[in-house]
Amino acid sequence: MNTQLKFMIAVIWDILDFTIFRIPGFGTITDIVSIPLAIFLWGNAGVISAWEVFEPTDQLDAFVPTLTLIGVLTYLGGNK
């Protein structure tokens, strides 16, 4: 999968996380789903997205575009 498509998926996911994934309960489920998605997109660095599961209100983690940030760090780190 090319890098542009990965970033498009990550940005869309983060936008959804900022909007509809903020619903308590539903947000936690989507945070759990985001872990394998992040690993699929960005490799082992995707495990970093697991931090969102430990934020129980699903409000604070919505302000951090985790999947996109992992992608940026992966890209800048040379793991394109």
N, C-alpha and C. Protein backbone atom coordinates (compact mmCIF):
# COMPACT_ATOMS: atom_id res chain seq x y z
N MET A 1 0.87 -1.17 0.00
CA MET A 1 0.00 0.00 0.00
C MET A 1 0.91 1.23 0.00
N ASN A 2 0.59 2.20 -0.85
CA ASN A 2 1.46 3.37 -0.91
C ASN A 2 1.22 4.31 0.28
N THR A 3 2.18 5.14 0.52
CA THR A 3 2.17 6.01 1.70
C THR A 3 1.02 7.01 1.67
N GLN A 4 0.69 7.54 0.51
CA GLN A 4 -0.41 8.50 0.42
C GLN A 4 -1.73 7.87 0.86
N LEU A 5 -1.99 6.65 0.43
CA LEU A 5 -3.22 5.97 0.81
C LEU A 5 -3.24 5.70 2.32
N LYS A 6 -2.09 5.31 2.86
CA LYS A 6 -2.00 5.10 4.32
C LYS A 6 -2.34 6.37 5.08
N PHE A 7 -1.79 7.49 4.62
CA PHE A 7 -2.07 8.76 5.29
C PHE A 7 -3.54 9.16 5.13
N MET A 8 -4.12 8.89 3.99
CA MET A 8 -5.54 9.20 3.80
C MET A 8 -6.41 8.41 4.77
N ILE A 9 -6.12 7.12 4.93
CA ILE A 9 -6.86 6.29 5.88
C ILE A 9 -6.67 6.81 7.29
N ALA A 10 -5.44 7.14 7.65
CA ALA A 10 -5.14 7.62 9.00
C ALA A 10 -5.86 8.93 9.30
N VAL A 11 -5.85 9.86 8.35
CA VAL A 11 -6.50 11.15 8.56
C VAL A 11 -8.01 10.98 8.68
N ILE A 12 -8.60 10.16 7.82
CA ILE A 12 -10.04 9.91 7.91
C ILE A 12 -10.40 9.28 9.25
N TRP A 13 -9.60 8.31 9.69
CA TRP A 13 -9.86 7.67 10.99
C TRP A 13 -9.77 8.69 12.12
N ASP A 14 -8.77 9.56 12.07
CA ASP A 14 -8.61 10.56 13.12
C ASP A 14 -9.75 11.59 13.10
N ILE A 15 -10.25 11.92 11.93
CA ILE A 15 -11.41 12.81 11.85
C ILE A 15 -12.63 12.14 12.48
N LEU A 16 -12.83 10.87 12.18
CA LEU A 16 -13.93 10.13 12.80
C LEU A 16 -13.75 10.05 14.31
N ASP A 17 -12.50 9.88 14.75
CA ASP A 17 -12.21 9.83 16.18
C ASP A 17 -12.55 11.16 16.86
N PHE A 18 -12.36 12.24 16.14
CA PHE A 18 -12.68 13.56 16.68
C PHE A 18 -14.18 13.83 16.71
N THR A 19 -14.93 13.09 15.91
CA THR A 19 -16.37 13.33 15.83
C THR A 19 -17.17 12.18 16.44
N ILE A 20 -17.55 11.20 15.65
CA ILE A 20 -18.48 10.17 16.13
C ILE A 20 -17.85 9.15 17.07
N PHE A 21 -16.52 9.01 17.04
CA PHE A 21 -15.88 8.04 17.93
C PHE A 21 -15.75 8.57 19.35
N ARG A 22 -16.28 9.74 19.63
CA ARG A 22 -16.22 10.31 20.98
C ARG A 22 -17.34 9.81 21.88
N ILE A 23 -18.27 9.05 21.33
CA ILE A 23 -19.38 8.52 22.11
C ILE A 23 -18.82 7.50 23.10
N PRO A 24 -19.00 7.72 24.40
CA PRO A 24 -18.45 6.78 25.39
C PRO A 24 -18.94 5.35 25.13
N GLY A 25 -18.05 4.43 25.29
CA GLY A 25 -18.36 3.03 25.00
C GLY A 25 -18.03 2.70 23.56
N PHE A 26 -18.71 3.35 22.63
CA PHE A 26 -18.43 3.17 21.21
C PHE A 26 -17.00 3.62 20.91
N GLY A 27 -16.59 4.71 21.54
CA GLY A 27 -15.23 5.21 21.35
C GLY A 27 -14.18 4.23 21.82
N THR A 28 -14.46 3.56 22.92
CA THR A 28 -13.50 2.57 23.43
C THR A 28 -13.38 1.39 22.47
N ILE A 29 -14.50 0.97 21.92
CA ILE A 29 -14.46 -0.13 20.95
C ILE A 29 -13.65 0.27 19.72
N THR A 30 -13.86 1.48 19.23
CA THR A 30 -13.10 1.92 18.06
C THR A 30 -11.63 2.13 18.40
N ASP A 31 -11.33 2.50 19.64
CA ASP A 31 -9.92 2.60 20.05
C ASP A 31 -9.25 1.23 20.01
N ILE A 32 -9.98 0.20 20.39
CA ILE A 32 -9.45 -1.17 20.34
C ILE A 32 -9.24 -1.59 18.88
N VAL A 33 -10.18 -1.23 18.01
CA VAL A 33 -10.06 -1.56 16.59
C VAL A 33 -8.90 -0.79 15.95
N SER A 34 -8.62 0.39 16.47
CA SER A 34 -7.56 1.20 15.86
C SER A 34 -6.17 0.60 16.07
N ILE A 35 -6.00 -0.24 17.06
CA ILE A 35 -4.68 -0.83 17.31
C ILE A 35 -4.24 -1.71 16.13
N PRO A 36 -5.05 -2.73 15.73
CA PRO A 36 -4.61 -3.51 14.57
C PRO A 36 -4.55 -2.69 13.27
N LEU A 37 -5.43 -1.69 13.15
CA LEU A 37 -5.38 -0.83 11.97
C LEU A 37 -4.06 -0.08 11.93
N ALA A 38 -3.65 0.48 13.06
CA ALA A 38 -2.39 1.22 13.13
C ALA A 38 -1.19 0.31 12.85
N ILE A 39 -1.25 -0.91 13.35
CA ILE A 39 -0.16 -1.86 13.09
C ILE A 39 -0.12 -2.22 11.61
N PHE A 40 -1.30 -2.40 11.01
CA PHE A 40 -1.37 -2.70 9.58
C PHE A 40 -0.79 -1.55 8.76
N LEU A 41 -1.14 -0.32 9.13
CA LEU A 41 -0.67 0.84 8.37
C LEU A 41 0.80 1.15 8.61
N TRP A 42 1.23 1.12 9.86
CA TRP A 42 2.55 1.66 10.20
C TRP A 42 3.50 0.66 10.82
N GLY A 43 3.15 -0.60 10.87
CA GLY A 43 4.05 -1.60 11.43
C GLY A 43 4.02 -1.59 12.95
N ASN A 44 5.10 -2.02 13.55
CA ASN A 44 5.16 -2.16 15.01
C ASN A 44 4.93 -0.85 15.76
N ALA A 45 5.23 0.27 15.12
CA ALA A 45 4.99 1.57 15.76
C ALA A 45 3.51 1.79 16.04
N GLY A 46 2.65 1.08 15.34
CA GLY A 46 1.21 1.20 15.53
C GLY A 46 0.73 0.85 16.92
N VAL A 47 1.54 0.11 17.65
CA VAL A 47 1.17 -0.27 19.02
C VAL A 47 1.00 0.97 19.90
N ILE A 48 1.63 2.06 19.52
CA ILE A 48 1.50 3.31 20.28
C ILE A 48 0.04 3.73 20.40
N SER A 49 -0.78 3.38 19.43
CA SER A 49 -2.19 3.79 19.46
C SER A 49 -2.96 3.15 20.61
N ALA A 50 -2.39 2.16 21.26
CA ALA A 50 -3.07 1.50 22.39
C ALA A 50 -3.29 2.45 23.56
N TRP A 51 -2.57 3.56 23.62
CA TRP A 51 -2.75 4.49 24.74
C TRP A 51 -4.18 5.01 24.81
N GLU A 52 -4.85 5.09 23.65
CA GLU A 52 -6.21 5.63 23.63
C GLU A 52 -7.21 4.76 24.38
N VAL A 53 -6.94 3.49 24.49
CA VAL A 53 -7.85 2.57 25.20
C VAL A 53 -7.89 2.92 26.69
N PHE A 54 -6.81 3.45 27.20
CA PHE A 54 -6.71 3.72 28.64
C PHE A 54 -7.27 5.09 29.03
N GLU A 55 -7.84 5.80 28.08
CA GLU A 55 -8.49 7.08 28.37
C GLU A 55 -9.99 6.81 28.37
N PRO A 56 -10.59 6.63 29.54
CA PRO A 56 -11.95 6.10 29.65
C PRO A 56 -13.08 7.02 29.18
N THR A 57 -12.86 8.32 29.09
CA THR A 57 -13.95 9.22 28.71
C THR A 57 -14.13 9.32 27.20
N ASP A 58 -13.15 8.90 26.42
CA ASP A 58 -13.16 9.02 24.96
C ASP A 58 -13.26 10.46 24.49
N GLN A 59 -12.93 11.40 25.35
CA GLN A 59 -12.99 12.82 25.00
C GLN A 59 -11.58 13.38 24.78
N LEU A 60 -10.68 13.12 25.69
CA LEU A 60 -9.33 13.69 25.59
C LEU A 60 -8.54 13.11 24.43
N ASP A 61 -8.64 11.80 24.23
CA ASP A 61 -7.86 11.19 23.16
C ASP A 61 -8.34 11.60 21.77
N ALA A 62 -9.55 12.13 21.68
CA ALA A 62 -10.07 12.56 20.39
C ALA A 62 -9.32 13.77 19.84
N PHE A 63 -8.68 14.52 20.71
CA PHE A 63 -7.96 15.72 20.28
C PHE A 63 -6.54 15.41 19.78
N VAL A 64 -6.12 14.17 19.90
CA VAL A 64 -4.79 13.78 19.45
C VAL A 64 -4.95 12.89 18.21
N PRO A 65 -4.47 13.34 17.05
CA PRO A 65 -4.59 12.52 15.83
C PRO A 65 -3.54 11.40 15.83
N THR A 66 -3.77 10.42 16.65
CA THR A 66 -2.78 9.39 16.92
C THR A 66 -2.31 8.66 15.67
N LEU A 67 -3.23 8.16 14.85
CA LEU A 67 -2.81 7.40 13.67
C LEU A 67 -1.98 8.25 12.71
N THR A 68 -2.36 9.49 12.55
CA THR A 68 -1.61 10.37 11.67
C THR A 68 -0.23 10.68 12.25
N LEU A 69 -0.17 10.93 13.54
CA LEU A 69 1.12 11.21 14.18
C LEU A 69 2.06 10.01 14.08
N ILE A 70 1.53 8.81 14.26
CA ILE A 70 2.36 7.61 14.13
C ILE A 70 2.90 7.53 12.70
N GLY A 71 2.04 7.84 11.73
CA GLY A 71 2.48 7.84 10.34
C GLY A 71 3.58 8.85 10.07
N VAL A 72 3.43 10.04 10.60
CA VAL A 72 4.46 11.08 10.43
C VAL A 72 5.77 10.63 11.05
N LEU A 73 5.70 10.10 12.26
CA LEU A 73 6.93 9.63 12.92
C LEU A 73 7.56 8.48 12.16
N THR A 74 6.75 7.58 11.65
CA THR A 74 7.26 6.46 10.87
C THR A 74 7.91 6.95 9.58
N TYR A 75 7.23 7.88 8.91
CA TYR A 75 7.75 8.42 7.65
C TYR A 75 9.05 9.18 7.87
N LEU A 76 9.07 10.04 8.89
CA LEU A 76 10.29 10.81 9.18
C LEU A 76 11.42 9.91 9.66
N GLY A 77 11.07 8.81 10.29
CA GLY A 77 12.07 7.87 10.78
C GLY A 77 12.67 7.02 9.68
N GLY A 78 12.13 7.11 8.48
CA GLY A 78 12.71 6.38 7.36
C GLY A 78 12.05 5.04 7.07
N ASN A 79 10.99 4.69 7.78
CA ASN A 79 10.31 3.42 7.54
C ASN A 79 9.12 3.65 6.61
N LYS A 80 9.39 4.07 5.41
CA LYS A 80 8.34 4.40 4.45
C LYS A 80 7.78 3.14 3.88
